[in-house]
Amino acid sequence: MTGIQCSPDEIQIITLSTTVSGKMKNDLAFVVKGRAMVIGEHMSSSYSNMPVRVLMYTGQLYEKWIKMKGEEKFLYQSKLYKIPKPEFVIFYNGAAIKPEKETLRLTSAYEDSGSEGFGHLELEVPVYNINKGMNVELFDKSSQLTQYSEFIATLREFNKLYDNYNQAVEKAVSHCINNDILKEFLKQHGGEIVSILTMEYDVEVAKRVYGEELLEDRNIEIAKKLLKRGLPVSAIAEDTGLSESYILELQTGLSE
């Protein structure tokens, strides 16, 4: 990912356990040889707001890194203080159809484009779809990632076969162990995986959220069609429930 050749002992895990008033934590963050800070997230649902979340993580991770090194005082000295280069990545394996790769930008969340004469901040986060059959080149680099994709695909198939989600997870884990899919990992952590996947799962909430996402996707497509027909932005916002600022972004995208 970073292109930096290193050994395991040259990687320092600095993942945040809690942030944003203790309500969120990031999935994974590590520093490679003090040169690159990699911030990674795994998503199975909507990730539109991830650039904002990653921005919040990044500030706290740099603060943590500097404190770990005991070098806070250097920030106030005249000599340039060097920091690891930030690199971001999101892996997506949700059920909603997404492209193999897309790039999310922090500027998409801004209320307006800003004023001339002032500095601006951009943050780009690539999203890789790691569902089975996607990003073949990426999977070729990691057999474990390939097997993880197969495990998720198996879980979805068993979820269709069993009304009880807990039972579906247990059956999927057993099937994968018997078929050499993440075998050693699941043999060692299978019980923990079952617990994690079932602990906070609420079928009704999941259906409602998924339904809301489908509705939003439908409204976006309607907005695009209405823009092509030349309807006013205000009228489109009223018909679709989307914000005028978001519709203007869609309009810009259509004109590019």
Foldseek 3Di string as FASTA:
>chain_A
DPPDDDDPVQKAWQWAPADDVRPDTFDTWIDGNQAEIEGEHEDQDDCQCVVVVVVRVVVVSQVSVCVVVPNPVVVPDPDDDDGHHYDYEYEYAYPDDDAQKDKHKPCLPDPDDDDPPDDDDIDIYMYGYLAPPGPVVVCVVPVLSNLVNVLVVQLVVLVVVDVDSLVSLLVSLVVCLVVVRCNVVCVVCVVVVSCVVPVPDDPVVVVVSVVVVVLLVVLLVVLLVVVVVPDDLVVSCVVRVDDSSNSVVSNVVVVD
